[in-house]
N, C-alpha and C. Protein backbone atom coordinates (compact mmCIF):
# COMPACT_ATOMS: atom_id res chain seq x y z
N UNK A 1 24.06 18.53 18.11
CA UNK A 1 24.55 17.41 17.06
C UNK A 1 24.15 17.06 16.53
N UNK A 2 24.09 16.47 15.51
CA UNK A 2 23.63 15.54 14.76
C UNK A 2 22.40 14.56 14.64
N UNK A 3 21.54 13.97 13.55
CA UNK A 3 20.63 13.03 13.78
C UNK A 3 21.10 11.88 13.86
N UNK A 4 20.77 11.24 14.43
CA UNK A 4 20.79 9.74 14.67
C UNK A 4 19.70 8.82 13.79
N UNK A 5 20.01 8.25 12.36
CA UNK A 5 18.88 7.36 11.78
C UNK A 5 19.89 5.68 12.01
N UNK A 6 18.89 5.12 12.83
CA UNK A 6 19.00 3.54 12.68
C UNK A 6 18.83 2.96 11.92
N UNK A 7 19.49 1.46 11.28
CA UNK A 7 19.44 0.77 10.38
C UNK A 7 18.21 0.34 10.38
N UNK A 8 17.17 -0.12 11.40
CA UNK A 8 16.01 -0.63 11.39
C UNK A 8 15.26 0.86 10.38
N UNK A 9 15.47 1.74 10.68
CA UNK A 9 14.39 2.82 9.90
C UNK A 9 15.38 3.13 8.58
N UNK A 10 16.34 2.97 8.53
CA UNK A 10 16.94 3.14 7.42
C UNK A 10 16.54 1.86 6.27
N UNK A 11 16.64 0.71 6.38
CA UNK A 11 16.37 -0.52 6.00
C UNK A 11 14.51 -0.37 5.52
N UNK A 12 13.88 0.36 6.47
CA UNK A 12 12.43 0.63 6.55
C UNK A 12 12.31 1.70 5.18
N UNK A 13 12.92 2.34 4.96
CA UNK A 13 13.03 3.48 4.16
C UNK A 13 13.49 2.91 2.69
N UNK A 14 14.43 2.21 2.45
CA UNK A 14 14.92 1.91 2.04
C UNK A 14 13.70 0.65 0.66
N UNK A 15 12.86 0.74 1.89
CA UNK A 15 12.07 -0.75 0.99
C UNK A 15 10.69 -0.09 0.53
N UNK A 16 10.76 0.68 1.39
CA UNK A 16 9.17 1.46 0.71
C UNK A 16 9.52 2.49 -0.78
N UNK A 17 11.05 2.63 -0.61
CA UNK A 17 10.92 3.82 -1.85
C UNK A 17 10.97 1.98 -2.64
N UNK A 18 12.09 1.45 -2.34
CA UNK A 18 12.08 0.35 -3.61
C UNK A 18 10.50 -0.38 -3.74
N UNK A 19 9.74 -0.32 -2.77
CA UNK A 19 8.20 -0.74 -3.12
C UNK A 19 7.50 -0.22 -4.24
N UNK A 20 7.50 1.90 -3.62
CA UNK A 20 7.09 2.28 -4.85
C UNK A 20 7.76 2.23 -5.73
N UNK A 21 9.40 2.36 -6.36
CA UNK A 21 9.61 2.07 -7.83
C UNK A 21 9.03 0.64 -8.87
N UNK A 22 8.91 0.09 -8.16
CA UNK A 22 8.46 -1.13 -8.55
C UNK A 22 7.02 -0.72 -8.83
N UNK A 23 6.23 -0.19 -8.27
CA UNK A 23 4.36 -0.10 -8.67
C UNK A 23 4.75 0.37 -9.49
N UNK A 24 5.28 1.70 -9.78
CA UNK A 24 5.43 2.67 -10.77
C UNK A 24 5.86 2.00 -11.93
N UNK A 25 6.54 0.97 -11.76
CA UNK A 25 7.10 -0.01 -13.32
C UNK A 25 6.00 -0.74 -13.71
N UNK A 26 5.51 -1.60 -12.71
CA UNK A 26 4.33 -1.94 -12.29
C UNK A 26 3.75 -1.99 -13.56
N UNK A 27 2.69 -0.21 -13.24
CA UNK A 27 1.81 0.04 -14.32
C UNK A 27 2.36 0.47 -15.41
N UNK A 28 3.23 1.26 -15.61
CA UNK A 28 3.71 1.89 -16.97
C UNK A 28 4.08 0.69 -17.65
N UNK A 29 4.09 -0.98 -17.29
CA UNK A 29 4.57 -1.59 -17.72
C UNK A 29 3.35 -2.77 -18.44
N UNK A 30 1.91 -2.27 -17.12
CA UNK A 30 0.91 -2.50 -17.81
C UNK A 30 0.24 -1.63 -18.77
N UNK A 31 0.59 -0.56 -19.25
CA UNK A 31 -0.03 0.52 -19.71
C UNK A 31 0.82 0.15 -21.11
N UNK A 32 1.85 -0.06 -21.05
CA UNK A 32 2.80 -0.25 -22.88
C UNK A 32 2.30 -1.70 -23.22
N UNK A 33 2.45 -2.32 -22.71
CA UNK A 33 2.34 -4.09 -23.29
C UNK A 33 0.84 -4.36 -23.01
N UNK A 34 0.65 -4.89 -24.13
CA UNK A 34 -0.79 -5.03 -24.20
C UNK A 34 -0.90 -6.32 -23.38
N UNK A 35 -1.87 -6.69 -22.30
CA UNK A 35 -2.48 -7.71 -21.81
C UNK A 35 -3.38 -9.02 -22.05
N UNK A 36 -3.69 -9.87 -22.35
CA UNK A 36 -4.35 -10.30 -22.44
C UNK A 36 -6.31 -10.05 -21.86
N UNK A 37 -7.76 -9.98 -22.32
CA UNK A 37 -8.59 -10.07 -21.64
C UNK A 37 -8.46 -10.48 -20.42
N UNK A 38 -8.05 -12.23 -20.16
CA UNK A 38 -8.75 -12.93 -18.80
C UNK A 38 -7.47 -12.10 -17.53
N UNK A 39 -6.52 -12.12 -18.02
CA UNK A 39 -5.72 -11.15 -17.13
C UNK A 39 -6.45 -9.84 -17.06
N UNK A 40 -6.69 -9.26 -17.00
CA UNK A 40 -7.17 -8.07 -16.90
C UNK A 40 -8.61 -7.88 -16.15
N UNK A 41 -9.26 -9.23 -16.61
CA UNK A 41 -10.32 -9.23 -15.76
C UNK A 41 -9.94 -10.02 -14.32
N UNK A 42 -9.00 -11.18 -13.97
CA UNK A 42 -8.52 -11.06 -12.75
C UNK A 42 -7.77 -10.17 -12.53
N UNK A 43 -7.31 -9.16 -13.11
CA UNK A 43 -7.52 -7.51 -11.92
C UNK A 43 -7.70 -7.54 -11.42
N UNK A 44 -8.83 -7.19 -12.49
CA UNK A 44 -9.91 -6.23 -11.64
C UNK A 44 -10.51 -7.18 -10.25
N UNK A 45 -11.34 -8.51 -11.08
CA UNK A 45 -10.99 -9.02 -9.77
C UNK A 45 -10.53 -9.36 -8.39
N UNK A 46 -9.41 -8.75 -8.29
CA UNK A 46 -8.82 -9.46 -7.16
C UNK A 46 -8.37 -7.69 -6.49
N UNK A 47 -8.09 -7.05 -7.35
CA UNK A 47 -8.40 -5.13 -7.14
C UNK A 47 -9.44 -5.23 -6.39
N UNK A 48 -10.80 -5.72 -7.17
CA UNK A 48 -12.54 -5.65 -6.62
C UNK A 48 -12.70 -6.56 -5.23
N UNK A 49 -11.93 -7.59 -4.91
CA UNK A 49 -11.51 -8.10 -3.98
C UNK A 49 -11.56 -8.12 -2.25
N UNK A 50 -9.82 -7.19 -2.48
CA UNK A 50 -9.14 -6.43 -1.73
C UNK A 50 -9.94 -5.42 -1.24
N UNK A 51 -10.54 -4.79 -2.41
CA UNK A 51 -11.54 -3.45 -1.86
C UNK A 51 -12.34 -3.70 -1.04
N UNK A 52 -13.23 -4.78 -1.29
CA UNK A 52 -14.21 -5.12 0.01
C UNK A 52 -14.16 -5.72 0.89
N UNK A 53 -12.36 -6.50 1.02
CA UNK A 53 -12.07 -6.48 1.76
C UNK A 53 -11.83 -6.07 2.82
N UNK A 54 -11.00 -4.90 2.75
CA UNK A 54 -10.49 -3.47 3.39
C UNK A 54 -11.65 -2.71 4.14
N UNK A 55 -13.33 -2.61 2.92
CA UNK A 55 -14.07 -2.52 3.83
C UNK A 55 -14.40 -2.89 4.47
N UNK A 56 -14.29 -4.10 4.46
CA UNK A 56 -15.62 -4.83 5.59
C UNK A 56 -14.42 -4.63 7.55
N UNK A 57 -12.76 -4.78 7.14
CA UNK A 57 -12.18 -4.28 7.72
C UNK A 57 -12.93 -4.01 8.62
N UNK A 58 -12.26 -2.75 7.72
CA UNK A 58 -12.62 -1.61 8.74
C UNK A 58 -14.27 -1.07 8.96
N UNK A 59 -15.22 -1.10 8.80
CA UNK A 59 -16.64 -1.60 9.23
C UNK A 59 -16.53 -2.33 10.52
N UNK A 60 -15.75 -3.51 10.36
CA UNK A 60 -16.01 -4.63 12.00
C UNK A 60 -14.84 -4.04 12.62
N UNK A 61 -14.41 -3.02 12.72
CA UNK A 61 -13.40 -3.38 14.04
C UNK A 61 -14.22 -2.38 14.93
N UNK A 62 -13.54 -3.07 16.30
CA UNK A 62 -14.37 -3.11 17.75
C UNK A 62 -14.10 -1.80 17.92
N UNK A 63 -12.81 -1.01 18.42
CA UNK A 63 -12.17 0.00 18.78
C UNK A 63 -11.17 0.54 17.90
N UNK A 64 -11.26 1.65 18.19
CA UNK A 64 -10.22 2.89 17.15
C UNK A 64 -8.73 2.14 17.51
N UNK A 65 -7.70 3.10 16.95
CA UNK A 65 -6.46 2.39 17.06
C UNK A 65 -5.83 3.79 17.46
N UNK A 66 -5.16 3.38 18.85
CA UNK A 66 -4.98 4.78 19.38
C UNK A 66 -3.33 4.43 19.70
N UNK A 67 -2.79 5.56 19.04
CA UNK A 67 -1.41 6.16 18.59
C UNK A 67 -1.19 7.31 18.44
N UNK A 68 0.30 7.58 18.71
CA UNK A 68 0.09 8.91 19.56
C UNK A 68 0.93 10.22 18.14
N UNK A 69 0.80 9.42 17.20
CA UNK A 69 1.12 10.18 16.25
C UNK A 69 -0.12 10.48 15.17
N UNK A 70 -1.32 10.22 15.74
CA UNK A 70 -1.88 10.91 15.20
C UNK A 70 -3.25 10.12 15.93
N UNK A 71 -3.00 12.33 16.68
CA UNK A 71 -4.34 12.45 17.91
C UNK A 71 -5.20 13.78 16.55
N UNK A 72 -6.61 13.27 17.63
CA UNK A 72 -7.58 13.54 17.37
C UNK A 72 -7.75 15.04 17.22
N UNK A 73 -8.23 15.91 16.30
CA UNK A 73 -8.00 17.29 16.59
C UNK A 73 -9.49 18.43 17.71
N UNK A 74 -10.41 16.82 17.63
CA UNK A 74 -11.39 17.83 18.66
C UNK A 74 -11.41 17.99 20.00
């Protein structure tokens, strides 16, 4: 029998591919077009803020995420 893909899974996959394509195009545009220094400073500040937010969230999580897909190997 052939494998069936649900509509929700197909839409999710299409959205992920579209997001990846948009991200790559955005990176190329930023590399090619000259941006004012204030915009670059803003992007850097946003990047640092998001990275600190992710770090703090991961440090203060109370219990681990139990998922059947990611089982510990020990």
